[in-house]
Amino acid sequence: MESKRIVRTAAVAALAVAAAAAVGVLLVRDQISRSRRDLFSPHPLRRLAALEYLGGVPASVDTVLLLRDFLAWEQRPLLRKRAAAVLQRLEDGLAAREVG
């Protein structure tokens, strides 16, 4: 009887961990899509937050192209300067991966 309870408890715990992992994956996906969408938001603070988020993600060609489009679109000097810095860091990261 005791072993059945232990197995049941372990199964419930495993299901809870799997459910938490699934929710975590969904939240991360949502955050990524929201950050990409907010990059072109009419609110400057959201654009800045999106830039900061994109600066922390691993470098990819898609992100570099997105930031180039953003630089062509953005009119505020402060946001353009920050985007240029993030873009440079991502391009350097991609170049380092190609060499290595």
PDB file of N, CA and C in Angstrom:
ATOM      1  N   MET A   1       0.820  -1.189   0.000  1.00  0.00           N
ATOM      2  CA  MET A   1       0.000   0.000   0.000  1.00  0.00           C
ATOM      3  C   MET A   1       0.868   1.259   0.000  1.00  0.00           C
ATOM      4  N   GLU A   2       1.928   1.246   0.787  1.00  0.00           N
ATOM      5  CA  GLU A   2       2.837   2.390   0.882  1.00  0.00           C
ATOM      6  C   GLU A   2       3.533   2.654  -0.455  1.00  0.00           C
ATOM      7  N   SER A   3       3.921   1.596  -1.168  1.00  0.00           N
ATOM      8  CA  SER A   3       4.616   1.782  -2.447  1.00  0.00           C
ATOM      9  C   SER A   3       3.678   2.371  -3.498  1.00  0.00           C
ATOM     10  N   LYS A   4       2.391   2.043  -3.454  1.00  0.00           N
ATOM     11  CA  LYS A   4       1.432   2.627  -4.396  1.00  0.00           C
ATOM     12  C   LYS A   4       1.316   4.138  -4.179  1.00  0.00           C
ATOM     13  N   ARG A   5       1.308   4.540  -2.921  1.00  0.00           N
ATOM     14  CA  ARG A   5       1.216   5.959  -2.613  1.00  0.00           C
ATOM     15  C   ARG A   5       2.468   6.705  -3.073  1.00  0.00           C
ATOM     16  N   ILE A   6       3.612   6.096  -2.918  1.00  0.00           N
ATOM     17  CA  ILE A   6       4.868   6.710  -3.359  1.00  0.00           C
ATOM     18  C   ILE A   6       4.881   6.845  -4.879  1.00  0.00           C
ATOM     19  N   VAL A   7       4.444   5.794  -5.583  1.00  0.00           N
ATOM     20  CA  VAL A   7       4.399   5.833  -7.045  1.00  0.00           C
ATOM     21  C   VAL A   7       3.411   6.889  -7.512  1.00  0.00           C
ATOM     22  N   ARG A   8       2.260   6.955  -6.864  1.00  0.00           N
ATOM     23  CA  ARG A   8       1.247   7.944  -7.230  1.00  0.00           C
ATOM     24  C   ARG A   8       1.775   9.357  -6.991  1.00  0.00           C
ATOM     25  N   THR A   9       2.427   9.576  -5.888  1.00  0.00           N
ATOM     26  CA  THR A   9       3.001  10.886  -5.577  1.00  0.00           C
ATOM     27  C   THR A   9       4.079  11.266  -6.591  1.00  0.00           C
ATOM     28  N   ALA A  10       4.917  10.306  -6.942  1.00  0.00           N
ATOM     29  CA  ALA A  10       5.966  10.562  -7.933  1.00  0.00           C
ATOM     30  C   ALA A  10       5.356  10.875  -9.298  1.00  0.00           C
ATOM     31  N   ALA A  11       4.287  10.169  -9.661  1.00  0.00           N
ATOM     32  CA  ALA A  11       3.634  10.421 -10.947  1.00  0.00           C
ATOM     33  C   ALA A  11       3.008  11.808 -10.981  1.00  0.00           C
ATOM     34  N   VAL A  12       2.356  12.192  -9.897  1.00  0.00           N
ATOM     35  CA  VAL A  12       1.753  13.521  -9.825  1.00  0.00           C
ATOM     36  C   VAL A  12       2.841  14.594  -9.893  1.00  0.00           C
ATOM     37  N   ALA A  13       3.939  14.370  -9.199  1.00  0.00           N
ATOM     38  CA  ALA A  13       5.041  15.331  -9.227  1.00  0.00           C
ATOM     39  C   ALA A  13       5.630  15.444 -10.637  1.00  0.00           C
ATOM     40  N   ALA A  14       5.789  14.320 -11.329  1.00  0.00           N
ATOM     41  CA  ALA A  14       6.320  14.330 -12.690  1.00  0.00           C
ATOM     42  C   ALA A  14       5.376  15.072 -13.633  1.00  0.00           C
ATOM     43  N   LEU A  15       4.082  14.856 -13.474  1.00  0.00           N
ATOM     44  CA  LEU A  15       3.105  15.569 -14.295  1.00  0.00           C
ATOM     45  C   LEU A  15       3.135  17.070 -14.016  1.00  0.00           C
ATOM     46  N   ALA A  16       3.296  17.430 -12.764  1.00  0.00           N
ATOM     47  CA  ALA A  16       3.359  18.846 -12.404  1.00  0.00           C
ATOM     48  C   ALA A  16       4.591  19.505 -13.013  1.00  0.00           C
ATOM     49  N   VAL A  17       5.718  18.814 -12.982  1.00  0.00           N
ATOM     50  CA  VAL A  17       6.951  19.351 -13.570  1.00  0.00           C
ATOM     51  C   VAL A  17       6.791  19.491 -15.084  1.00  0.00           C
ATOM     52  N   ALA A  18       6.201  18.481 -15.722  1.00  0.00           N
ATOM     53  CA  ALA A  18       5.984  18.541 -17.168  1.00  0.00           C
ATOM     54  C   ALA A  18       5.033  19.686 -17.527  1.00  0.00           C
ATOM     55  N   ALA A  19       3.981  19.872 -16.749  1.00  0.00           N
ATOM     56  CA  ALA A  19       3.037  20.960 -17.010  1.00  0.00           C
ATOM     57  C   ALA A  19       3.716  22.316 -16.822  1.00  0.00           C
ATOM     58  N   ALA A  20       4.520  22.445 -15.786  1.00  0.00           N
ATOM     59  CA  ALA A  20       5.237  23.701 -15.551  1.00  0.00           C
ATOM     60  C   ALA A  20       6.217  23.988 -16.692  1.00  0.00           C
ATOM     61  N   ALA A  21       6.887  22.961 -17.184  1.00  0.00           N
ATOM     62  CA  ALA A  21       7.816  23.141 -18.302  1.00  0.00           C
ATOM     63  C   ALA A  21       7.070  23.580 -19.563  1.00  0.00           C
ATOM     64  N   ALA A  22       5.919  22.971 -19.808  1.00  0.00           N
ATOM     65  CA  ALA A  22       5.123  23.332 -20.982  1.00  0.00           C
ATOM     66  C   ALA A  22       4.647  24.780 -20.886  1.00  0.00           C
ATOM     67  N   VAL A  23       4.199  25.185 -19.722  1.00  0.00           N
ATOM     68  CA  VAL A  23       3.765  26.572 -19.530  1.00  0.00           C
ATOM     69  C   VAL A  23       4.952  27.520 -19.716  1.00  0.00           C
ATOM     70  N   GLY A  24       6.104  27.138 -19.211  1.00  0.00           N
ATOM     71  CA  GLY A  24       7.301  27.953 -19.373  1.00  0.00           C
ATOM     72  C   GLY A  24       7.672  28.150 -20.834  1.00  0.00           C
ATOM     73  N   VAL A  25       7.602  27.083 -21.610  1.00  0.00           N
ATOM     74  CA  VAL A  25       7.909  27.172 -23.040  1.00  0.00           C
ATOM     75  C   VAL A  25       6.927  28.114 -23.735  1.00  0.00           C
ATOM     76  N   LEU A  26       5.653  27.994 -23.402  1.00  0.00           N
ATOM     77  CA  LEU A  26       4.649  28.872 -24.003  1.00  0.00           C
ATOM     78  C   LEU A  26       4.887  30.334 -23.629  1.00  0.00           C
ATOM     79  N   LEU A  27       5.261  30.583 -22.380  1.00  0.00           N
ATOM     80  CA  LEU A  27       5.530  31.958 -21.961  1.00  0.00           C
ATOM     81  C   LEU A  27       6.741  32.547 -22.673  1.00  0.00           C
ATOM     82  N   VAL A  28       7.770  31.743 -22.852  1.00  0.00           N
ATOM     83  CA  VAL A  28       8.969  32.221 -23.551  1.00  0.00           C
ATOM     84  C   VAL A  28       8.637  32.535 -25.006  1.00  0.00           C
ATOM     85  N   ARG A  29       7.891  31.650 -25.659  1.00  0.00           N
ATOM     86  CA  ARG A  29       7.485  31.900 -27.048  1.00  0.00           C
ATOM     87  C   ARG A  29       6.665  33.185 -27.159  1.00  0.00           C
ATOM     88  N   ASP A  30       5.743  33.367 -26.222  1.00  0.00           N
ATOM     89  CA  ASP A  30       4.912  34.565 -26.224  1.00  0.00           C
ATOM     90  C   ASP A  30       5.766  35.805 -26.025  1.00  0.00           C
ATOM     91  N   GLN A  31       6.722  35.734 -25.119  1.00  0.00           N
ATOM     92  CA  GLN A  31       7.595  36.880 -24.856  1.00  0.00           C
ATOM     93  C   GLN A  31       8.424  37.238 -26.083  1.00  0.00           C
ATOM     94  N   ILE A  32       8.901  36.231 -26.791  1.00  0.00           N
ATOM     95  CA  ILE A  32       9.693  36.487 -27.992  1.00  0.00           C
ATOM     96  C   ILE A  32       8.844  37.161 -29.057  1.00  0.00           C
ATOM     97  N   SER A  33       7.659  36.633 -29.294  1.00  0.00           N
ATOM     98  CA  SER A  33       6.812  37.240 -30.325  1.00  0.00           C
ATOM     99  C   SER A  33       6.357  38.639 -29.905  1.00  0.00           C
ATOM    100  N   ARG A  34       6.078  38.828 -28.627  1.00  0.00           N
ATOM    101  CA  ARG A  34       5.668  40.153 -28.141  1.00  0.00           C
ATOM    102  C   ARG A  34       6.812  41.151 -28.286  1.00  0.00           C
ATOM    103  N   SER A  35       8.032  40.718 -27.986  1.00  0.00           N
ATOM    104  CA  SER A  35       9.174  41.627 -28.089  1.00  0.00           C
ATOM    105  C   SER A  35       9.410  42.027 -29.533  1.00  0.00           C
ATOM    106  N   ARG A  36       9.261  41.096 -30.449  1.00  0.00           N
ATOM    107  CA  ARG A  36       9.435  41.437 -31.862  1.00  0.00           C
ATOM    108  C   ARG A  36       8.328  42.395 -32.313  1.00  0.00           C
ATOM    109  N   ARG A  37       7.118  42.172 -31.838  1.00  0.00           N
ATOM    110  CA  ARG A  37       5.987  43.023 -32.209  1.00  0.00           C
ATOM    111  C   ARG A  37       6.141  44.417 -31.583  1.00  0.00           C
ATOM    112  N   ASP A  38       6.584  44.476 -30.333  1.00  0.00           N
ATOM    113  CA  ASP A  38       6.729  45.755 -29.633  1.00  0.00           C
ATOM    114  C   ASP A  38       7.891  46.587 -30.154  1.00  0.00           C
ATOM    115  N   LEU A  39       8.758  45.995 -30.935  1.00  0.00           N
ATOM    116  CA  LEU A  39       9.877  46.749 -31.484  1.00  0.00           C
ATOM    117  C   LEU A  39       9.377  47.895 -32.369  1.00  0.00           C
ATOM    118  N   PHE A  40       8.215  47.726 -32.980  1.00  0.00           N
ATOM    119  CA  PHE A  40       7.645  48.753 -33.837  1.00  0.00           C
ATOM    120  C   PHE A  40       6.401  49.381 -33.204  1.00  0.00           C
ATOM    121  N   SER A  41       6.329  49.339 -31.889  1.00  0.00           N
ATOM    122  CA  SER A  41       5.209  49.907 -31.153  1.00  0.00           C
ATOM    123  C   SER A  41       5.218  51.434 -31.260  1.00  0.00           C
ATOM    124  N   PRO A  42       4.042  52.057 -31.153  1.00  0.00           N
ATOM    125  CA  PRO A  42       4.033  53.529 -31.137  1.00  0.00           C
ATOM    126  C   PRO A  42       4.567  54.108 -29.819  1.00  0.00           C
ATOM    127  N   HIS A  43       4.767  53.271 -28.811  1.00  0.00           N
ATOM    128  CA  HIS A  43       5.246  53.718 -27.503  1.00  0.00           C
ATOM    129  C   HIS A  43       6.769  53.537 -27.403  1.00  0.00           C
ATOM    130  N   PRO A  44       7.510  54.620 -27.234  1.00  0.00           N
ATOM    131  CA  PRO A  44       8.977  54.528 -27.182  1.00  0.00           C
ATOM    132  C   PRO A  44       9.497  53.613 -26.071  1.00  0.00           C
ATOM    133  N   LEU A  45       8.843  53.594 -24.921  1.00  0.00           N
ATOM    134  CA  LEU A  45       9.311  52.748 -23.830  1.00  0.00           C
ATOM    135  C   LEU A  45       9.201  51.267 -24.181  1.00  0.00           C
ATOM    136  N   ARG A  46       8.158  50.899 -24.884  1.00  0.00           N
ATOM    137  CA  ARG A  46       8.018  49.505 -25.333  1.00  0.00           C
ATOM    138  C   ARG A  46       9.089  49.162 -26.360  1.00  0.00           C
ATOM    139  N   ARG A  47       9.401  50.118 -27.222  1.00  0.00           N
ATOM    140  CA  ARG A  47      10.454  49.871 -28.204  1.00  0.00           C
ATOM    141  C   ARG A  47      11.791  49.679 -27.508  1.00  0.00           C
ATOM    142  N   LEU A  48      12.062  50.485 -26.486  1.00  0.00           N
ATOM    143  CA  LEU A  48      13.304  50.341 -25.728  1.00  0.00           C
ATOM    144  C   LEU A  48      13.357  48.988 -25.029  1.00  0.00           C
ATOM    145  N   ALA A  49      12.246  48.573 -24.418  1.00  0.00           N
ATOM    146  CA  ALA A  49      12.198  47.266 -23.758  1.00  0.00           C
ATOM    147  C   ALA A  49      12.421  46.136 -24.762  1.00  0.00           C
ATOM    148  N   ALA A  50      11.852  46.267 -25.944  1.00  0.00           N
ATOM    149  CA  ALA A  50      12.045  45.248 -26.974  1.00  0.00           C
ATOM    150  C   ALA A  50      13.504  45.193 -27.417  1.00  0.00           C
ATOM    151  N   LEU A  51      14.136  46.367 -27.532  1.00  0.00           N
ATOM    152  CA  LEU A  51      15.558  46.395 -27.880  1.00  0.00           C
ATOM    153  C   LEU A  51      16.399  45.701 -26.821  1.00  0.00           C
ATOM    154  N   GLU A  52      16.098  45.981 -25.565  1.00  0.00           N
ATOM    155  CA  GLU A  52      16.855  45.354 -24.476  1.00  0.00           C
ATOM    156  C   GLU A  52      16.667  43.843 -24.494  1.00  0.00           C
ATOM    157  N   TYR A  53      15.460  43.401 -24.766  1.00  0.00           N
ATOM    158  CA  TYR A  53      15.212  41.955 -24.834  1.00  0.00           C
ATOM    159  C   TYR A  53      15.997  41.339 -25.991  1.00  0.00           C
ATOM    160  N   LEU A  54      15.915  41.957 -27.160  1.00  0.00           N
ATOM    161  CA  LEU A  54      16.609  41.407 -28.323  1.00  0.00           C
ATOM    162  C   LEU A  54      18.121  41.434 -28.139  1.00  0.00           C
ATOM    163  N   GLY A  55      18.606  42.369 -27.347  1.00  0.00           N
ATOM    164  CA  GLY A  55      20.037  42.404 -27.072  1.00  0.00           C
ATOM    165  C   GLY A  55      20.504  41.233 -26.221  1.00  0.00           C
ATOM    166  N   GLY A  56      19.589  40.597 -25.535  1.00  0.00           N
ATOM    167  CA  GLY A  56      19.952  39.478 -24.674  1.00  0.00           C
ATOM    168  C   GLY A  56      19.740  38.108 -25.288  1.00  0.00           C
ATOM    169  N   VAL A  57      19.126  38.050 -26.467  1.00  0.00           N
ATOM    170  CA  VAL A  57      18.887  36.751 -27.098  1.00  0.00           C
ATOM    171  C   VAL A  57      20.107  36.354 -27.912  1.00  0.00           C
ATOM    172  N   PRO A  58      20.282  35.074 -28.174  1.00  0.00           N
ATOM    173  CA  PRO A  58      21.412  34.657 -29.011  1.00  0.00           C
ATOM    174  C   PRO A  58      21.313  35.276 -30.409  1.00  0.00           C
ATOM    175  N   ALA A  59      22.459  35.591 -30.972  1.00  0.00           N
ATOM    176  CA  ALA A  59      22.505  36.232 -32.280  1.00  0.00           C
ATOM    177  C   ALA A  59      21.955  35.308 -33.353  1.00  0.00           C
ATOM    178  N   SER A  60      21.112  35.868 -34.216  1.00  0.00           N
ATOM    179  CA  SER A  60      20.611  35.126 -35.370  1.00  0.00           C
ATOM    180  C   SER A  60      20.487  36.096 -36.538  1.00  0.00           C
ATOM    181  N   VAL A  61      20.482  35.549 -37.724  1.00  0.00           N
ATOM    182  CA  VAL A  61      20.364  36.373 -38.921  1.00  0.00           C
ATOM    183  C   VAL A  61      19.019  37.103 -38.918  1.00  0.00           C
ATOM    184  N   ASP A  62      17.957  36.418 -38.490  1.00  0.00           N
ATOM    185  CA  ASP A  62      16.635  37.046 -38.440  1.00  0.00           C
ATOM    186  C   ASP A  62      16.624  38.267 -37.533  1.00  0.00           C
ATOM    187  N   THR A  63      17.265  38.152 -36.379  1.00  0.00           N
ATOM    188  CA  THR A  63      17.300  39.272 -35.439  1.00  0.00           C
ATOM    189  C   THR A  63      18.105  40.430 -36.008  1.00  0.00           C
ATOM    190  N   VAL A  64      19.200  40.130 -36.671  1.00  0.00           N
ATOM    191  CA  VAL A  64      20.018  41.177 -37.286  1.00  0.00           C
ATOM    192  C   VAL A  64      19.215  41.909 -38.361  1.00  0.00           C
ATOM    193  N   LEU A  65      18.511  41.155 -39.201  1.00  0.00           N
ATOM    194  CA  LEU A  65      17.697  41.786 -40.245  1.00  0.00           C
ATOM    195  C   LEU A  65      16.574  42.620 -39.643  1.00  0.00           C
ATOM    196  N   LEU A  66      15.967  42.125 -38.581  1.00  0.00           N
ATOM    197  CA  LEU A  66      14.904  42.867 -37.908  1.00  0.00           C
ATOM    198  C   LEU A  66      15.442  44.188 -37.358  1.00  0.00           C
ATOM    199  N   LEU A  67      16.613  44.146 -36.738  1.00  0.00           N
ATOM    200  CA  LEU A  67      17.191  45.378 -36.189  1.00  0.00           C
ATOM    201  C   LEU A  67      17.603  46.354 -37.288  1.00  0.00           C
ATOM    202  N   ARG A  68      18.039  45.846 -38.421  1.00  0.00           N
ATOM    203  CA  ARG A  68      18.358  46.745 -39.545  1.00  0.00           C
ATOM    204  C   ARG A  68      17.097  47.453 -40.030  1.00  0.00           C
ATOM    205  N   ASP A  69      16.000  46.708 -40.118  1.00  0.00           N
ATOM    206  CA  ASP A  69      14.719  47.326 -40.492  1.00  0.00           C
ATOM    207  C   ASP A  69      14.307  48.370 -39.460  1.00  0.00           C
ATOM    208  N   PHE A  70      14.515  48.043 -38.181  1.00  0.00           N
ATOM    209  CA  PHE A  70      14.164  48.974 -37.115  1.00  0.00           C
ATOM    210  C   PHE A  70      14.982  50.263 -37.229  1.00  0.00           C
ATOM    211  N   LEU A  71      16.265  50.127 -37.487  1.00  0.00           N
ATOM    212  CA  LEU A  71      17.125  51.313 -37.619  1.00  0.00           C
ATOM    213  C   LEU A  71      16.667  52.207 -38.770  1.00  0.00           C
ATOM    214  N   ALA A  72      16.217  51.605 -39.849  1.00  0.00           N
ATOM    215  CA  ALA A  72      15.731  52.399 -40.981  1.00  0.00           C
ATOM    216  C   ALA A  72      14.413  53.095 -40.646  1.00  0.00           C
ATOM    217  N   TRP A  73      13.653  52.514 -39.732  1.00  0.00           N
ATOM    218  CA  TRP A  73      12.322  53.026 -39.385  1.00  0.00           C
ATOM    219  C   TRP A  73      12.341  54.028 -38.235  1.00  0.00           C
ATOM    220  N   GLU A  74      13.171  53.784 -37.231  1.00  0.00           N
ATOM    221  CA  GLU A  74      13.166  54.579 -35.993  1.00  0.00           C
ATOM    222  C   GLU A  74      13.658  55.993 -36.239  1.00  0.00           C
ATOM    223  N   GLN A  75      12.967  56.960 -35.610  1.00  0.00           N
ATOM    224  CA  GLN A  75      13.334  58.363 -35.772  1.00  0.00           C
ATOM    225  C   GLN A  75      13.996  58.961 -34.533  1.00  0.00           C
ATOM    226  N   ARG A  76      13.768  58.375 -33.370  1.00  0.00           N
ATOM    227  CA  ARG A  76      14.338  58.930 -32.137  1.00  0.00           C
ATOM    228  C   ARG A  76      15.831  58.589 -32.041  1.00  0.00           C
ATOM    229  N   PRO A  77      16.680  59.595 -31.869  1.00  0.00           N
ATOM    230  CA  PRO A  77      18.127  59.360 -31.834  1.00  0.00           C
ATOM    231  C   PRO A  77      18.574  58.405 -30.723  1.00  0.00           C
ATOM    232  N   LEU A  78      17.978  58.519 -29.549  1.00  0.00           N
ATOM    233  CA  LEU A  78      18.373  57.651 -28.441  1.00  0.00           C
ATOM    234  C   LEU A  78      18.091  56.179 -28.758  1.00  0.00           C
ATOM    235  N   LEU A  79      16.931  55.911 -29.319  1.00  0.00           N
ATOM    236  CA  LEU A  79      16.583  54.533 -29.669  1.00  0.00           C
ATOM    237  C   LEU A  79      17.410  54.040 -30.851  1.00  0.00           C
ATOM    238  N   ARG A  80      17.697  54.919 -31.778  1.00  0.00           N
ATOM    239  CA  ARG A  80      18.543  54.515 -32.916  1.00  0.00           C
ATOM    240  C   ARG A  80      19.953  54.157 -32.438  1.00  0.00           C
ATOM    241  N   LYS A  81      20.477  54.955 -31.504  1.00  0.00           N
ATOM    242  CA  LYS A  81      21.818  54.685 -30.971  1.00  0.00           C
ATOM    243  C   LYS A  81      21.851  53.354 -30.231  1.00  0.00           C
ATOM    244  N   ARG A  82      20.829  53.093 -29.425  1.00  0.00           N
ATOM    245  CA  ARG A  82      20.769  51.825 -28.685  1.00  0.00           C
ATOM    246  C   ARG A  82      20.621  50.650 -29.648  1.00  0.00           C
ATOM    247  N   ALA A  83      19.773  50.812 -30.665  1.00  0.00           N
ATOM    248  CA  ALA A  83      19.577  49.742 -31.651  1.00  0.00           C
ATOM    249  C   ALA A  83      20.871  49.465 -32.412  1.00  0.00           C
ATOM    250  N   ALA A  84      21.609  50.521 -32.737  1.00  0.00           N
ATOM    251  CA  ALA A  84      22.883  50.343 -33.440  1.00  0.00           C
ATOM    252  C   ALA A  84      23.878  49.571 -32.584  1.00  0.00           C
ATOM    253  N   ALA A  85      23.893  49.857 -31.284  1.00  0.00           N
ATOM    254  CA  ALA A  85      24.797  49.140 -30.384  1.00  0.00           C
ATOM    255  C   ALA A  85      24.413  47.666 -30.275  1.00  0.00           C
ATOM    256  N   VAL A  86      23.125  47.389 -30.151  1.00  0.00           N
ATOM    257  CA  VAL A  86      22.655  46.002 -30.071  1.00  0.00           C
ATOM    258  C   VAL A  86      22.965  45.289 -31.381  1.00  0.00           C
ATOM    259  N   LEU A  87      22.706  45.949 -32.497  1.00  0.00           N
ATOM    260  CA  LEU A  87      22.968  45.360 -33.803  1.00  0.00           C
ATOM    261  C   LEU A  87      24.447  45.034 -33.961  1.00  0.00           C
ATOM    262  N   GLN A  88      25.314  45.941 -33.559  1.00  0.00           N
ATOM    263  CA  GLN A  88      26.756  45.703 -33.673  1.00  0.00           C
ATOM    264  C   GLN A  88      27.177  44.495 -32.847  1.00  0.00           C
ATOM    265  N   ARG A  89      26.633  44.393 -31.627  1.00  0.00           N
ATOM    266  CA  ARG A  89      26.975  43.253 -30.769  1.00  0.00           C
ATOM    267  C   ARG A  89      26.501  41.939 -31.395  1.00  0.00           C
ATOM    268  N   LEU A  90      25.291  41.930 -31.958  1.00  0.00           N
ATOM    269  CA  LEU A  90      24.770  40.715 -32.587  1.00  0.00           C
ATOM    270  C   LEU A  90      25.568  40.346 -33.837  1.00  0.00           C
ATOM    271  N   GLU A  91      25.919  41.350 -34.644  1.00  0.00           N
ATOM    272  CA  GLU A  91      26.725  41.076 -35.839  1.00  0.00           C
ATOM    273  C   GLU A  91      28.098  40.534 -35.463  1.00  0.00           C
ATOM    274  N   ASP A  92      28.696  41.091 -34.411  1.00  0.00           N
ATOM    275  CA  ASP A  92      29.990  40.592 -33.940  1.00  0.00           C
ATOM    276  C   ASP A  92      29.870  39.139 -33.471  1.00  0.00           C
ATOM    277  N   GLY A  93      28.762  38.837 -32.799  1.00  0.00           N
ATOM    278  CA  GLY A  93      28.532  37.463 -32.345  1.00  0.00           C
ATOM    279  C   GLY A  93      28.374  36.501 -33.501  1.00  0.00           C
ATOM    280  N   LEU A  94      27.662  36.910 -34.529  1.00  0.00           N
ATOM    281  CA  LEU A  94      27.512  36.057 -35.710  1.00  0.00           C
ATOM    282  C   LEU A  94      28.845  35.867 -36.433  1.00  0.00           C
ATOM    283  N   ALA A  95      29.620  36.940 -36.543  1.00  0.00           N
ATOM    284  CA  ALA A  95      30.929  36.847 -37.203  1.00  0.00           C
ATOM    285  C   ALA A  95      31.848  35.918 -36.433  1.00  0.00           C
ATOM    286  N   ALA A  96      31.802  35.976 -35.109  1.00  0.00           N
ATOM    287  CA  ALA A  96      32.654  35.110 -34.289  1.00  0.00           C
ATOM    288  C   ALA A  96      32.260  33.648 -34.453  1.00  0.00           C
ATOM    289  N   ARG A  97      30.962  33.383 -34.605  1.00  0.00           N
ATOM    290  CA  ARG A  97      30.513  31.990 -34.808  1.00  0.00           C
ATOM    291  C   ARG A  97      30.960  31.466 -36.170  1.00  0.00           C
ATOM    292  N   GLU A  98      30.985  32.337 -37.187  1.00  0.00           N
ATOM    293  CA  GLU A  98      31.410  31.916 -38.506  1.00  0.00           C
ATOM    294  C   GLU A  98      32.890  31.572 -38.527  1.00  0.00           C
ATOM    295  N   VAL A  99      33.689  32.360 -37.832  1.00  0.00           N
ATOM    296  CA  VAL A  99      35.136  32.138 -37.797  1.00  0.00           C
ATOM    297  C   VAL A  99      35.461  30.878 -37.006  1.00  0.00           C
ATOM    298  N   GLY A 100      34.734  30.689 -35.886  1.00  0.00           N
ATOM    299  CA  GLY A 100      35.024  29.572 -34.978  1.00  0.00           C
ATOM    300  C   GLY A 100      34.514  28.300 -35.435  1.00  0.00           C
TER     301      GLY A 100
END
